Amino acid sequence: MPITELQKQVDVWIKKYGVRYFNELTNMAVLTEEVGEVARIISRKYGEQSFKETDHKDLGEELSDVLFVLLCLANQTDTDLQKAFDKKMQIKTERDSDRHQNNKKLNS
């Protein structure tokens, strides 16, 4: 599904179930919290920490929370994420087309 459609889907959900968007500062705080939850799972699953009984262990669910809030912020700030993402991919491709291929750290 294109990012544009995801933004629309979130907007419809907010208007139907969420009453209204939280303000931008609140959503920024929520985004930070959700990213922290992703970090907790990563640190426990791939790092040296172990899971606690109370830890959520579903990385996909937590990444989806991050995406949802990110889409909310894009909608609130009239940001076309599809357009921005496409532009960023073009920039990265032009800038990094052979950078990583020639990185001895990645190819050893």
Protein backbone atom coordinates (compact mmCIF):
# COMPACT_ATOMS: atom_id res chain seq x y z
CA MET A 1 0.00 0.00 0.00
CA PRO A 2 1.44 3.43 -0.89
CA ILE A 3 2.35 5.70 1.99
CA THR A 4 -0.28 8.18 0.80
CA GLU A 5 -2.95 5.53 1.37
CA LEU A 6 -1.57 4.76 4.82
CA GLN A 7 -1.83 8.45 5.70
CA LYS A 8 -5.46 8.47 4.54
CA GLN A 9 -6.23 5.29 6.48
CA VAL A 10 -4.85 6.81 9.69
CA ASP A 11 -6.78 10.04 9.11
CA VAL A 12 -10.04 8.12 8.67
CA TRP A 13 -9.35 6.12 11.85
CA ILE A 14 -8.58 9.24 13.86
CA LYS A 15 -11.77 10.95 12.72
CA LYS A 16 -13.89 7.85 13.39
CA TYR A 17 -12.39 6.52 16.62
CA GLY A 18 -9.83 8.96 17.94
CA VAL A 19 -12.06 12.05 18.09
CA ARG A 20 -9.13 14.24 17.02
CA TYR A 21 -5.37 14.17 16.70
CA PHE A 22 -3.32 14.76 19.82
CA ASN A 23 -1.37 17.98 19.36
CA GLU A 24 1.98 17.80 17.63
CA LEU A 25 4.03 18.04 20.82
CA THR A 26 2.06 15.24 22.45
CA ASN A 27 2.47 13.07 19.37
CA MET A 28 6.20 13.80 19.33
CA ALA A 29 6.39 12.57 22.92
CA VAL A 30 4.31 9.50 22.03
CA LEU A 31 6.61 8.80 19.05
CA THR A 32 9.64 8.98 21.33
CA GLU A 33 7.98 6.59 23.76
CA GLU A 34 7.15 4.13 20.99
CA VAL A 35 10.70 4.26 19.61
CA GLY A 36 11.89 3.49 23.14
CA GLU A 37 9.69 0.39 23.18
CA VAL A 38 11.27 -0.74 19.90
CA ALA A 39 14.71 -0.13 21.40
CA ARG A 40 13.82 -2.21 24.45
CA ILE A 41 12.86 -5.20 22.30
CA ILE A 42 15.95 -4.86 20.10
CA SER A 43 18.26 -4.58 23.11
CA ARG A 44 16.76 -7.67 24.67
CA LYS A 45 16.43 -9.79 21.54
CA TYR A 46 19.68 -8.86 19.79
CA GLY A 47 21.70 -7.24 22.56
CA GLU A 48 22.97 -8.43 25.88
CA GLN A 49 19.91 -7.71 28.00
CA SER A 50 17.38 -10.41 28.83
CA PHE A 51 13.61 -10.12 28.66
CA LYS A 52 11.60 -9.43 31.82
CA GLU A 53 8.27 -11.11 32.49
CA THR A 54 6.48 -7.83 31.79
CA ASP A 55 8.30 -6.98 28.53
CA HIS A 56 6.32 -6.82 25.31
CA LYS A 57 8.06 -9.04 22.81
CA ASP A 58 6.28 -8.29 19.52
CA LEU A 59 8.66 -6.14 17.47
CA GLY A 60 6.19 -5.85 14.59
CA GLU A 61 3.51 -4.45 16.88
CA GLU A 62 5.87 -1.86 18.31
CA LEU A 63 7.20 -0.86 14.88
CA SER A 64 3.58 -0.46 13.77
CA ASP A 65 2.99 1.88 16.72
CA VAL A 66 5.93 3.99 15.55
CA LEU A 67 4.55 4.06 12.01
CA PHE A 68 1.06 5.02 13.19
CA VAL A 69 2.28 8.00 15.21
CA LEU A 70 4.65 9.03 12.42
CA LEU A 71 1.73 9.03 10.00
CA CYS A 72 -0.29 11.10 12.48
CA LEU A 73 2.49 13.69 12.64
CA ALA A 74 2.74 13.77 8.85
CA ASN A 75 -1.00 14.35 8.56
CA GLN A 76 -0.98 17.07 11.19
CA THR A 77 1.86 18.95 9.54
CA ASP A 78 0.54 18.52 5.99
CA THR A 79 3.59 16.47 5.03
CA ASP A 80 3.25 14.22 1.98
CA LEU A 81 5.38 11.34 3.23
CA GLN A 82 5.20 9.51 -0.11
CA LYS A 83 6.67 12.50 -1.92
CA ALA A 84 9.28 13.06 0.80
CA PHE A 85 10.24 9.37 0.88
CA ASP A 86 10.54 9.13 -2.90
CA LYS A 87 12.75 12.23 -2.92
CA LYS A 88 14.91 10.86 -0.10
CA MET A 89 15.36 7.53 -1.88
CA GLN A 90 16.48 9.35 -5.02
CA ILE A 91 18.98 11.44 -3.02
CA LYS A 92 20.33 8.37 -1.20
CA THR A 93 20.62 6.41 -4.44
CA GLU A 94 22.54 9.18 -6.18
CA ARG A 95 24.76 9.87 -3.18
CA ASP A 96 25.38 6.29 -2.10
CA SER A 97 25.19 4.32 -5.35
CA ASP A 98 28.64 2.80 -4.81
CA ARG A 99 29.56 4.04 -1.36
CA HIS A 100 28.52 0.88 0.49
CA GLN A 101 29.79 -1.42 -2.25
CA ASN A 102 33.26 0.04 -1.73
CA ASN A 103 33.13 -0.06 2.07
CA LYS A 104 35.74 -2.57 3.21
CA LYS A 105 34.03 -2.79 6.60
CA LEU A 106 30.89 -4.19 4.94
CA ASN A 107 32.63 -6.45 2.45
CA SER A 108 35.03 -8.30 4.70
